[in-house]
Amino acid sequence: MFGLAVGAVLIGLGLAGIRYAPAIVEAQHRQGMTPYGDGPIEDDDRVSVTKAVGAVVAVAGLLVLASSAGVL
């Protein structure tokens, strides 16, 4: 039961990260969060990476959910 809840939460967080990636990047700019690299990173690249991380979290949630349900 705990695995089902964790999987559902991870899926929700992943989908929210995909949906709100541009808003997340904008909030990072407002808060003054900058990357550690030498050169600036374009906003399009930051949005793409944020969406990719959201997708990975959502897939991990699906795997946890499937494992907990006994499918895997």
PDB file of N, CA and C in Angstrom:
ATOM      1  N   MET A   1       0.816  -1.185   0.000  1.00  0.00           N
ATOM      2  CA  MET A   1       0.000   0.000   0.000  1.00  0.00           C
ATOM      3  C   MET A   1       0.869   1.262   0.000  1.00  0.00           C
ATOM      4  N   PHE A   2       1.956   1.227   0.754  1.00  0.00           N
ATOM      5  CA  PHE A   2       2.867   2.367   0.801  1.00  0.00           C
ATOM      6  C   PHE A   2       3.490   2.612  -0.568  1.00  0.00           C
ATOM      7  N   GLY A   3       3.842   1.558  -1.261  1.00  0.00           N
ATOM      8  CA  GLY A   3       4.417   1.685  -2.596  1.00  0.00           C
ATOM      9  C   GLY A   3       3.457   2.297  -3.595  1.00  0.00           C
ATOM     10  N   LEU A   4       2.182   1.967  -3.465  1.00  0.00           N
ATOM     11  CA  LEU A   4       1.174   2.557  -4.338  1.00  0.00           C
ATOM     12  C   LEU A   4       1.079   4.065  -4.119  1.00  0.00           C
ATOM     13  N   ALA A   5       1.117   4.472  -2.859  1.00  0.00           N
ATOM     14  CA  ALA A   5       1.042   5.903  -2.544  1.00  0.00           C
ATOM     15  C   ALA A   5       2.281   6.638  -3.035  1.00  0.00           C
ATOM     16  N   VAL A   6       3.451   6.052  -2.822  1.00  0.00           N
ATOM     17  CA  VAL A   6       4.692   6.686  -3.274  1.00  0.00           C
ATOM     18  C   VAL A   6       4.706   6.791  -4.795  1.00  0.00           C
ATOM     19  N   GLY A   7       4.293   5.738  -5.473  1.00  0.00           N
ATOM     20  CA  GLY A   7       4.239   5.764  -6.931  1.00  0.00           C
ATOM     21  C   GLY A   7       3.298   6.835  -7.446  1.00  0.00           C
ATOM     22  N   ALA A   8       2.127   6.955  -6.823  1.00  0.00           N
ATOM     23  CA  ALA A   8       1.165   7.972  -7.247  1.00  0.00           C
ATOM     24  C   ALA A   8       1.697   9.378  -7.015  1.00  0.00           C
ATOM     25  N   VAL A   9       2.370   9.586  -5.899  1.00  0.00           N
ATOM     26  CA  VAL A   9       2.954  10.909  -5.610  1.00  0.00           C
ATOM     27  C   VAL A   9       4.057  11.237  -6.617  1.00  0.00           C
ATOM     28  N   LEU A  10       4.901  10.275  -6.921  1.00  0.00           N
ATOM     29  CA  LEU A  10       5.970  10.511  -7.898  1.00  0.00           C
ATOM     30  C   LEU A  10       5.403  10.824  -9.279  1.00  0.00           C
ATOM     31  N   ILE A  11       4.370  10.132  -9.670  1.00  0.00           N
ATOM     32  CA  ILE A  11       3.738  10.417 -10.961  1.00  0.00           C
ATOM     33  C   ILE A  11       3.174  11.833 -10.964  1.00  0.00           C
ATOM     34  N   GLY A  12       2.503  12.208  -9.899  1.00  0.00           N
ATOM     35  CA  GLY A  12       1.940  13.550  -9.803  1.00  0.00           C
ATOM     36  C   GLY A  12       3.015  14.627  -9.847  1.00  0.00           C
ATOM     37  N   LEU A  13       4.095  14.428  -9.116  1.00  0.00           N
ATOM     38  CA  LEU A  13       5.187  15.402  -9.123  1.00  0.00           C
ATOM     39  C   LEU A  13       5.856  15.487 -10.494  1.00  0.00           C
ATOM     40  N   GLY A  14       6.025  14.347 -11.126  1.00  0.00           N
ATOM     41  CA  GLY A  14       6.641  14.337 -12.456  1.00  0.00           C
ATOM     42  C   GLY A  14       5.785  15.059 -13.484  1.00  0.00           C
ATOM     43  N   LEU A  15       4.490  14.803 -13.461  1.00  0.00           N
ATOM     44  CA  LEU A  15       3.596  15.476 -14.407  1.00  0.00           C
ATOM     45  C   LEU A  15       3.507  16.976 -14.122  1.00  0.00           C
ATOM     46  N   ALA A  16       3.542  17.348 -12.863  1.00  0.00           N
ATOM     47  CA  ALA A  16       3.542  18.779 -12.519  1.00  0.00           C
ATOM     48  C   ALA A  16       4.837  19.443 -12.996  1.00  0.00           C
ATOM     49  N   GLY A  17       5.958  18.745 -12.882  1.00  0.00           N
ATOM     50  CA  GLY A  17       7.224  19.289 -13.368  1.00  0.00           C
ATOM     51  C   GLY A  17       7.222  19.485 -14.872  1.00  0.00           C
ATOM     52  N   ILE A  18       6.592  18.565 -15.584  1.00  0.00           N
ATOM     53  CA  ILE A  18       6.494  18.698 -17.040  1.00  0.00           C
ATOM     54  C   ILE A  18       5.581  19.869 -17.402  1.00  0.00           C
ATOM     55  N   ARG A  19       4.449  19.965 -16.731  1.00  0.00           N
ATOM     56  CA  ARG A  19       3.449  20.987 -17.059  1.00  0.00           C
ATOM     57  C   ARG A  19       3.929  22.398 -16.708  1.00  0.00           C
ATOM     58  N   TYR A  20       4.565  22.538 -15.559  1.00  0.00           N
ATOM     59  CA  TYR A  20       4.927  23.865 -15.059  1.00  0.00           C
ATOM     60  C   TYR A  20       6.403  24.199 -15.224  1.00  0.00           C
ATOM     61  N   ALA A  21       7.096  23.536 -16.115  1.00  0.00           N
ATOM     62  CA  ALA A  21       8.527  23.790 -16.311  1.00  0.00           C
ATOM     63  C   ALA A  21       8.837  25.250 -16.639  1.00  0.00           C
ATOM     64  N   PRO A  22       8.111  25.901 -17.553  1.00  0.00           N
ATOM     65  CA  PRO A  22       8.422  27.316 -17.806  1.00  0.00           C
ATOM     66  C   PRO A  22       8.227  28.205 -16.572  1.00  0.00           C
ATOM     67  N   ALA A  23       7.201  27.928 -15.784  1.00  0.00           N
ATOM     68  CA  ALA A  23       6.974  28.706 -14.567  1.00  0.00           C
ATOM     69  C   ALA A  23       8.060  28.446 -13.526  1.00  0.00           C
ATOM     70  N   ILE A  24       8.548  27.223 -13.479  1.00  0.00           N
ATOM     71  CA  ILE A  24       9.621  26.885 -12.542  1.00  0.00           C
ATOM     72  C   ILE A  24      10.891  27.647 -12.904  1.00  0.00           C
ATOM     73  N   VAL A  25      11.223  27.691 -14.194  1.00  0.00           N
ATOM     74  CA  VAL A  25      12.417  28.407 -14.638  1.00  0.00           C
ATOM     75  C   VAL A  25      12.269  29.904 -14.366  1.00  0.00           C
ATOM     76  N   GLU A  26      11.087  30.439 -14.591  1.00  0.00           N
ATOM     77  CA  GLU A  26      10.845  31.858 -14.308  1.00  0.00           C
ATOM     78  C   GLU A  26      11.006  32.149 -12.812  1.00  0.00           C
ATOM     79  N   ALA A  27      10.508  31.259 -11.969  1.00  0.00           N
ATOM     80  CA  ALA A  27      10.657  31.430 -10.524  1.00  0.00           C
ATOM     81  C   ALA A  27      12.129  31.362 -10.115  1.00  0.00           C
ATOM     82  N   GLN A  28      12.905  30.523 -10.792  1.00  0.00           N
ATOM     83  CA  GLN A  28      14.335  30.465 -10.509  1.00  0.00           C
ATOM     84  C   GLN A  28      15.003  31.798 -10.830  1.00  0.00           C
ATOM     85  N   HIS A  29      14.590  32.429 -11.911  1.00  0.00           N
ATOM     86  CA  HIS A  29      15.147  33.740 -12.260  1.00  0.00           C
ATOM     87  C   HIS A  29      14.771  34.785 -11.213  1.00  0.00           C
ATOM     88  N   ARG A  30      13.516  34.776 -10.774  1.00  0.00           N
ATOM     89  CA  ARG A  30      13.073  35.757  -9.774  1.00  0.00           C
ATOM     90  C   ARG A  30      13.819  35.600  -8.462  1.00  0.00           C
ATOM     91  N   GLN A  31      14.135  34.374  -8.097  1.00  0.00           N
ATOM     92  CA  GLN A  31      14.830  34.111  -6.841  1.00  0.00           C
ATOM     93  C   GLN A  31      16.337  34.279  -6.961  1.00  0.00           C
ATOM     94  N   GLY A  32      16.820  34.525  -8.155  1.00  0.00           N
ATOM     95  CA  GLY A  32      18.255  34.709  -8.353  1.00  0.00           C
ATOM     96  C   GLY A  32      19.049  33.423  -8.409  1.00  0.00           C
ATOM     97  N   MET A  33      18.399  32.327  -8.695  1.00  0.00           N
ATOM     98  CA  MET A  33      19.094  31.040  -8.793  1.00  0.00           C
ATOM     99  C   MET A  33      19.803  30.966 -10.138  1.00  0.00           C
ATOM    100  N   THR A  34      21.085  30.722 -10.110  1.00  0.00           N
ATOM    101  CA  THR A  34      21.860  30.628 -11.341  1.00  0.00           C
ATOM    102  C   THR A  34      22.622  29.311 -11.342  1.00  0.00           C
ATOM    103  N   PRO A  35      22.935  28.787 -12.526  1.00  0.00           N
ATOM    104  CA  PRO A  35      23.716  27.549 -12.602  1.00  0.00           C
ATOM    105  C   PRO A  35      25.172  27.796 -12.203  1.00  0.00           C
ATOM    106  N   TYR A  36      25.861  26.741 -11.852  1.00  0.00           N
ATOM    107  CA  TYR A  36      27.252  26.832 -11.431  1.00  0.00           C
ATOM    108  C   TYR A  36      28.234  26.934 -12.586  1.00  0.00           C
ATOM    109  N   GLY A  37      27.795  26.678 -13.797  1.00  0.00           N
ATOM    110  CA  GLY A  37      28.694  26.663 -14.953  1.00  0.00           C
ATOM    111  C   GLY A  37      29.295  28.028 -15.259  1.00  0.00           C
ATOM    112  N   ASP A  38      30.274  28.026 -16.133  1.00  0.00           N
ATOM    113  CA  ASP A  38      30.950  29.265 -16.503  1.00  0.00           C
ATOM    114  C   ASP A  38      30.061  30.176 -17.341  1.00  0.00           C
ATOM    115  N   GLY A  39      29.405  29.612 -18.336  1.00  0.00           N
ATOM    116  CA  GLY A  39      28.600  30.422 -19.245  1.00  0.00           C
ATOM    117  C   GLY A  39      27.131  30.367 -18.889  1.00  0.00           C
ATOM    118  N   PRO A  40      26.389  31.314 -19.428  1.00  0.00           N
ATOM    119  CA  PRO A  40      24.949  31.299 -19.168  1.00  0.00           C
ATOM    120  C   PRO A  40      24.259  30.152 -19.916  1.00  0.00           C
ATOM    121  N   ILE A  41      23.207  29.659 -19.343  1.00  0.00           N
ATOM    122  CA  ILE A  41      22.415  28.604 -19.960  1.00  0.00           C
ATOM    123  C   ILE A  41      21.125  29.245 -20.457  1.00  0.00           C
ATOM    124  N   GLU A  42      20.772  28.964 -21.679  1.00  0.00           N
ATOM    125  CA  GLU A  42      19.573  29.539 -22.279  1.00  0.00           C
ATOM    126  C   GLU A  42      18.324  29.031 -21.552  1.00  0.00           C
ATOM    127  N   ASP A  43      17.294  29.863 -21.540  1.00  0.00           N
ATOM    128  CA  ASP A  43      16.048  29.483 -20.879  1.00  0.00           C
ATOM    129  C   ASP A  43      15.408  28.262 -21.524  1.00  0.00           C
ATOM    130  N   ASP A  44      15.498  28.155 -22.845  1.00  0.00           N
ATOM    131  CA  ASP A  44      14.921  26.990 -23.526  1.00  0.00           C
ATOM    132  C   ASP A  44      15.578  25.699 -23.060  1.00  0.00           C
ATOM    133  N   ASP A  45      16.894  25.749 -22.857  1.00  0.00           N
ATOM    134  CA  ASP A  45      17.607  24.566 -22.378  1.00  0.00           C
ATOM    135  C   ASP A  45      17.192  24.223 -20.950  1.00  0.00           C
ATOM    136  N   ARG A  46      17.012  25.239 -20.109  1.00  0.00           N
ATOM    137  CA  ARG A  46      16.610  24.997 -18.721  1.00  0.00           C
ATOM    138  C   ARG A  46      15.206  24.402 -18.655  1.00  0.00           C
ATOM    139  N   VAL A  47      14.311  24.879 -19.518  1.00  0.00           N
ATOM    140  CA  VAL A  47      12.952  24.337 -19.560  1.00  0.00           C
ATOM    141  C   VAL A  47      12.991  22.890 -20.038  1.00  0.00           C
ATOM    142  N   SER A  48      13.801  22.604 -21.053  1.00  0.00           N
ATOM    143  CA  SER A  48      13.910  21.232 -21.568  1.00  0.00           C
ATOM    144  C   SER A  48      14.439  20.275 -20.506  1.00  0.00           C
ATOM    145  N   VAL A  49      15.440  20.701 -19.769  1.00  0.00           N
ATOM    146  CA  VAL A  49      16.002  19.845 -18.721  1.00  0.00           C
ATOM    147  C   VAL A  49      14.988  19.637 -17.600  1.00  0.00           C
ATOM    148  N   THR A  50      14.257  20.674 -17.239  1.00  0.00           N
ATOM    149  CA  THR A  50      13.242  20.547 -16.200  1.00  0.00           C
ATOM    150  C   THR A  50      12.148  19.574 -16.632  1.00  0.00           C
ATOM    151  N   LYS A  51      11.733  19.644 -17.887  1.00  0.00           N
ATOM    152  CA  LYS A  51      10.741  18.705 -18.401  1.00  0.00           C
ATOM    153  C   LYS A  51      11.292  17.279 -18.423  1.00  0.00           C
ATOM    154  N   ALA A  52      12.559  17.125 -18.782  1.00  0.00           N
ATOM    155  CA  ALA A  52      13.164  15.792 -18.816  1.00  0.00           C
ATOM    156  C   ALA A  52      13.236  15.183 -17.418  1.00  0.00           C
ATOM    157  N   VAL A  53      13.584  15.986 -16.425  1.00  0.00           N
ATOM    158  CA  VAL A  53      13.625  15.488 -15.051  1.00  0.00           C
ATOM    159  C   VAL A  53      12.219  15.091 -14.595  1.00  0.00           C
ATOM    160  N   GLY A  54      11.226  15.891 -14.958  1.00  0.00           N
ATOM    161  CA  GLY A  54       9.843  15.542 -14.634  1.00  0.00           C
ATOM    162  C   GLY A  54       9.430  14.232 -15.271  1.00  0.00           C
ATOM    163  N   ALA A  55       9.847  14.003 -16.509  1.00  0.00           N
ATOM    164  CA  ALA A  55       9.521  12.758 -17.194  1.00  0.00           C
ATOM    165  C   ALA A  55      10.187  11.565 -16.507  1.00  0.00           C
ATOM    166  N   VAL A  56      11.426  11.733 -16.084  1.00  0.00           N
ATOM    167  CA  VAL A  56      12.136  10.644 -15.392  1.00  0.00           C
ATOM    168  C   VAL A  56      11.446  10.318 -14.070  1.00  0.00           C
ATOM    169  N   VAL A  57      11.026  11.350 -13.336  1.00  0.00           N
ATOM    170  CA  VAL A  57      10.333  11.129 -12.069  1.00  0.00           C
ATOM    171  C   VAL A  57       8.990  10.432 -12.308  1.00  0.00           C
ATOM    172  N   ALA A  58       8.272  10.822 -13.355  1.00  0.00           N
ATOM    173  CA  ALA A  58       6.993  10.194 -13.660  1.00  0.00           C
ATOM    174  C   ALA A  58       7.180   8.724 -14.042  1.00  0.00           C
ATOM    175  N   VAL A  59       8.198   8.425 -14.828  1.00  0.00           N
ATOM    176  CA  VAL A  59       8.470   7.033 -15.203  1.00  0.00           C
ATOM    177  C   VAL A  59       8.877   6.219 -13.978  1.00  0.00           C
ATOM    178  N   ALA A  60       9.673   6.807 -13.097  1.00  0.00           N
ATOM    179  CA  ALA A  60      10.045   6.117 -11.862  1.00  0.00           C
ATOM    180  C   ALA A  60       8.801   5.829 -11.023  1.00  0.00           C
ATOM    181  N   GLY A  61       7.878   6.781 -10.981  1.00  0.00           N
ATOM    182  CA  GLY A  61       6.629   6.564 -10.267  1.00  0.00           C
ATOM    183  C   GLY A  61       5.808   5.442 -10.871  1.00  0.00           C
ATOM    184  N   LEU A  62       5.775   5.387 -12.199  1.00  0.00           N
ATOM    185  CA  LEU A  62       5.066   4.285 -12.859  1.00  0.00           C
ATOM    186  C   LEU A  62       5.695   2.936 -12.513  1.00  0.00           C
ATOM    187  N   LEU A  63       7.010   2.896 -12.481  1.00  0.00           N
ATOM    188  CA  LEU A  63       7.692   1.642 -12.137  1.00  0.00           C
ATOM    189  C   LEU A  63       7.410   1.232 -10.698  1.00  0.00           C
ATOM    190  N   VAL A  64       7.433   2.195  -9.784  1.00  0.00           N
ATOM    191  CA  VAL A  64       7.133   1.890  -8.381  1.00  0.00           C
ATOM    192  C   VAL A  64       5.683   1.423  -8.249  1.00  0.00           C
ATOM    193  N   LEU A  65       4.796   2.099  -8.940  1.00  0.00           N
ATOM    194  CA  LEU A  65       3.382   1.730  -8.880  1.00  0.00           C
ATOM    195  C   LEU A  65       3.153   0.338  -9.461  1.00  0.00           C
ATOM    196  N   ALA A  66       3.761   0.055 -10.596  1.00  0.00           N
ATOM    197  CA  ALA A  66       3.613  -1.262 -11.216  1.00  0.00           C
ATOM    198  C   ALA A  66       4.228  -2.361 -10.344  1.00  0.00           C
ATOM    199  N   SER A  67       5.359  -2.065  -9.755  1.00  0.00           N
ATOM    200  CA  SER A  67       6.005  -3.049  -8.877  1.00  0.00           C
ATOM    201  C   SER A  67       5.158  -3.327  -7.636  1.00  0.00           C
ATOM    202  N   SER A  68       4.583  -2.279  -7.086  1.00  0.00           N
ATOM    203  CA  SER A  68       3.767  -2.455  -5.890  1.00  0.00           C
ATOM    204  C   SER A  68       2.457  -3.188  -6.187  1.00  0.00           C
ATOM    205  N   ALA A  69       1.944  -2.989  -7.396  1.00  0.00           N
ATOM    206  CA  ALA A  69       0.707  -3.658  -7.782  1.00  0.00           C
ATOM    207  C   ALA A  69       0.957  -5.105  -8.208  1.00  0.00           C
ATOM    208  N   GLY A  70       2.211  -5.493  -8.337  1.00  0.00           N
ATOM    209  CA  GLY A  70       2.523  -6.865  -8.708  1.00  0.00           C
ATOM    210  C   GLY A  70       2.585  -7.109 -10.197  1.00  0.00           C
ATOM    211  N   VAL A  71       2.596  -6.068 -10.986  1.00  0.00           N
ATOM    212  CA  VAL A  71       2.650  -6.218 -12.438  1.00  0.00           C
ATOM    213  C   VAL A  71       4.062  -6.594 -12.880  1.00  0.00           C
ATOM    214  N   LEU A  72       5.055  -6.021 -12.240  1.00  0.00           N
ATOM    215  CA  LEU A  72       6.455  -6.319 -12.602  1.00  0.00           C
ATOM    216  C   LEU A  72       7.008  -7.414 -11.735  1.00  0.00           C
TER     217      LEU A  72
END
